Amino acid sequence: MKLFDLIQLTAAIAVLAGIGLVVWELQQTKALTNLLIVHGNMDELAEDRRGIYGEELHKTLAAACTEPGSLSLEQAFVLEAYFENQAVRVVRYALQVDIAGFSTNWKARSRVHLHKILSFPHGRTWIQNHRILKGGKSFSHIVGFVTEVMEDDIEPCTTSVSGLLEDIGDI
């Protein structure tokens, strides 16, 4: 093999490797762009729901925790928006892995938000009736995880509030 042939072969291999890298980068960019679009849409939905909260979220959460049977229709809408925002976070964390291939521990991050929902008396029923969290082919891995979390020993909201009130009383 002549020197010229060796140089041509090396150049051809370098060009092919370069093309491969460009294709790989384009795939990564596409995945990240898709993720940004999805996250942008989720941000808009979350912001809409935060508008429902208004200034009264704390009162609604307190009532939902201590007197769940006495919620007004307005408070029920606020609680629905709060729960929905927690669920959106779960889906968002899972999509970071599904769409963009991020190697994050989405389950650990999601568990916190599911526990927030499940700590309320109406939380378990809400999750069981949620359009995404209750089932669906596209989200089967999320549904399996939610089912697993529902088996956790979750502290009720009244327990965490009682502990906080005791701590405040000690001040």
Protein backbone atom coordinates (compact mmCIF):
# COMPACT_ATOMS: atom_id res chain seq x y z
CA MET A 1 0.00 0.00 0.00
CA LYS A 2 1.36 3.34 -0.97
CA LEU A 3 1.61 6.34 1.28
CA PHE A 4 -0.98 8.18 -0.80
CA ASP A 5 -3.49 5.31 -0.38
CA LEU A 6 -2.86 5.26 3.37
CA ILE A 7 -3.51 9.01 3.60
CA GLN A 8 -6.75 8.64 1.60
CA LEU A 9 -7.92 5.78 3.84
CA THR A 10 -7.14 7.75 6.98
CA ALA A 11 -8.97 10.81 5.61
CA ALA A 12 -11.99 8.68 4.68
CA ILE A 13 -12.13 7.18 8.17
CA ALA A 14 -11.86 10.66 9.72
CA VAL A 15 -14.69 11.95 7.50
CA LEU A 16 -16.92 9.01 8.43
CA ALA A 17 -16.17 9.49 12.13
CA GLY A 18 -16.98 13.20 11.77
CA ILE A 19 -20.28 12.44 10.06
CA GLY A 20 -21.11 9.97 12.82
CA LEU A 21 -20.42 12.58 15.48
CA VAL A 22 -22.54 15.18 13.69
CA VAL A 23 -25.46 12.72 13.44
CA TRP A 24 -25.11 11.86 17.13
CA GLU A 25 -25.03 15.57 18.08
CA LEU A 26 -28.13 16.25 15.98
CA GLN A 27 -29.99 13.45 17.78
CA GLN A 28 -28.95 14.88 21.14
CA THR A 29 -30.05 18.36 20.10
CA LYS A 30 -33.40 17.04 18.89
CA ALA A 31 -34.00 15.22 22.18
CA LEU A 32 -33.10 18.29 24.21
CA THR A 33 -35.28 20.52 22.04
CA ASN A 34 -38.23 18.15 22.48
CA LEU A 35 -37.65 18.15 26.22
CA LEU A 36 -37.54 21.96 26.31
CA ILE A 37 -40.81 22.15 24.39
CA VAL A 38 -42.50 19.69 26.73
CA HIS A 39 -41.13 21.47 29.79
CA GLY A 40 -42.26 24.82 28.40
CA ASN A 41 -45.79 23.50 27.96
CA MET A 42 -45.74 22.05 31.47
CA ASP A 43 -44.50 25.37 32.86
CA GLU A 44 -47.45 27.15 31.25
CA LEU A 45 -49.90 24.66 32.75
CA ALA A 46 -48.28 24.95 36.18
CA GLU A 47 -48.42 28.73 36.00
CA ASP A 48 -52.11 28.59 35.10
CA ARG A 49 -52.72 26.37 38.11
CA ARG A 50 -50.72 28.68 40.37
CA GLY A 51 -53.15 31.40 39.36
CA ILE A 52 -55.93 29.25 40.82
CA TYR A 53 -54.08 29.06 44.13
CA GLY A 54 -54.35 32.78 44.66
CA GLU A 55 -53.43 33.96 48.12
CA GLU A 56 -55.34 31.19 49.88
CA LEU A 57 -53.35 28.02 49.23
CA HIS A 58 -52.21 27.74 52.82
CA LYS A 59 -55.82 27.92 54.07
CA THR A 60 -56.95 25.32 51.57
CA LEU A 61 -54.12 22.93 52.45
CA ALA A 62 -54.87 23.36 56.16
CA ALA A 63 -58.57 22.62 55.61
CA ALA A 64 -57.81 19.68 53.31
CA CYS A 65 -55.54 18.25 55.97
CA THR A 66 -57.58 18.79 59.11
CA GLU A 67 -61.19 19.04 57.86
CA PRO A 68 -61.29 17.30 54.45
CA GLY A 69 -65.06 16.88 54.51
CA SER A 70 -65.67 20.60 54.85
CA LEU A 71 -63.90 21.83 51.69
CA SER A 72 -65.82 24.36 49.66
CA LEU A 73 -66.03 24.06 45.90
CA GLU A 74 -63.45 26.84 45.57
CA GLN A 75 -61.07 25.02 47.92
CA ALA A 76 -61.59 21.79 45.98
CA PHE A 77 -60.46 23.57 42.80
CA VAL A 78 -57.40 24.92 44.59
CA LEU A 79 -56.53 21.48 45.99
CA GLU A 80 -56.99 19.94 42.53
CA ALA A 81 -54.55 22.49 41.07
CA TYR A 82 -52.03 21.84 43.86
CA PHE A 83 -52.21 18.07 43.36
CA GLU A 84 -51.99 18.46 39.59
CA ASN A 85 -48.81 20.52 39.89
CA GLN A 86 -47.25 17.81 42.03
CA ALA A 87 -48.22 15.18 39.44
CA VAL A 88 -46.78 17.30 36.61
CA ARG A 89 -43.45 17.33 38.42
CA VAL A 90 -43.47 13.53 38.53
CA VAL A 91 -44.15 13.30 34.80
CA ARG A 92 -41.55 15.99 34.08
CA TYR A 93 -38.82 14.10 35.96
CA ALA A 94 -39.67 10.88 34.14
CA LEU A 95 -39.64 12.62 30.75
CA GLN A 96 -36.14 13.93 31.37
CA VAL A 97 -35.03 10.31 31.19
CA ASP A 98 -37.48 9.18 28.50
CA ILE A 99 -37.01 12.00 26.01
CA ALA A 100 -33.51 13.32 26.57
CA GLY A 101 -31.92 10.27 28.13
CA PHE A 102 -30.72 12.12 31.23
CA SER A 103 -29.39 9.76 33.84
CA THR A 104 -31.21 11.26 36.81
CA ASN A 105 -32.84 9.42 39.64
CA TRP A 106 -36.32 10.59 38.70
CA LYS A 107 -37.95 8.18 41.12
CA ALA A 108 -36.31 9.66 44.21
CA ARG A 109 -37.23 13.17 43.11
CA SER A 110 -40.78 12.14 42.20
CA ARG A 111 -41.42 10.24 45.42
CA VAL A 112 -41.35 13.52 47.38
CA HIS A 113 -44.13 15.02 45.25
CA LEU A 114 -46.26 11.89 45.38
CA HIS A 115 -45.90 11.83 49.16
CA LYS A 116 -47.17 15.43 49.25
CA ILE A 117 -50.34 14.29 47.52
CA LEU A 118 -50.74 11.05 49.44
CA SER A 119 -50.30 12.72 52.83
CA PHE A 120 -53.74 14.33 52.39
CA PRO A 121 -56.91 12.33 53.07
CA HIS A 122 -58.19 12.88 49.49
CA GLY A 123 -54.77 12.29 47.90
CA ARG A 124 -54.98 8.54 47.37
CA THR A 125 -58.37 8.78 45.66
CA TRP A 126 -57.16 11.68 43.54
CA ILE A 127 -54.16 9.68 42.26
CA GLN A 128 -56.29 6.62 41.57
CA ASN A 129 -58.53 8.75 39.36
CA HIS A 130 -55.81 10.80 37.66
CA ARG A 131 -55.83 10.40 33.87
CA ILE A 132 -52.06 9.80 33.60
CA LEU A 133 -51.10 8.39 36.98
CA LYS A 134 -53.83 5.73 36.98
CA GLY A 135 -52.83 4.08 33.74
CA GLY A 136 -51.96 4.30 30.12
CA LYS A 137 -49.56 2.61 27.73
CA SER A 138 -47.41 5.70 27.23
CA PHE A 139 -46.80 6.14 30.93
CA SER A 140 -46.76 2.53 32.15
CA HIS A 141 -43.41 2.95 33.90
CA ILE A 142 -44.76 5.99 35.77
CA VAL A 143 -47.94 4.11 36.71
CA GLY A 144 -45.87 1.21 38.05
CA PHE A 145 -43.79 3.60 40.12
CA VAL A 146 -46.89 5.41 41.46
CA THR A 147 -48.36 2.05 42.47
CA GLU A 148 -45.12 1.25 44.29
CA VAL A 149 -45.14 4.61 46.12
CA MET A 150 -48.74 4.12 47.20
CA GLU A 151 -47.48 1.17 49.26
CA ASP A 152 -45.06 3.44 51.18
CA ASP A 153 -45.71 4.22 54.82
CA ILE A 154 -46.65 7.87 54.30
CA GLU A 155 -46.96 10.25 57.21
CA PRO A 156 -50.33 12.01 57.16
CA CYS A 157 -50.30 15.77 56.78
CA THR A 158 -51.73 16.16 60.28
CA THR A 159 -48.65 14.47 61.78
CA SER A 160 -46.15 16.77 60.11
CA VAL A 161 -48.22 19.84 61.00
CA SER A 162 -48.56 18.69 64.62
CA GLY A 163 -44.80 18.31 64.88
CA LEU A 164 -44.31 21.79 63.47
CA LEU A 165 -46.84 23.27 65.89
CA GLU A 166 -45.07 21.56 68.80
CA ASP A 167 -41.74 22.98 67.61
CA ILE A 168 -43.26 26.46 67.35
CA GLY A 169 -44.71 26.08 70.85
CA ASP A 170 -41.21 25.36 72.20
CA ILE A 171 -39.91 28.70 70.95
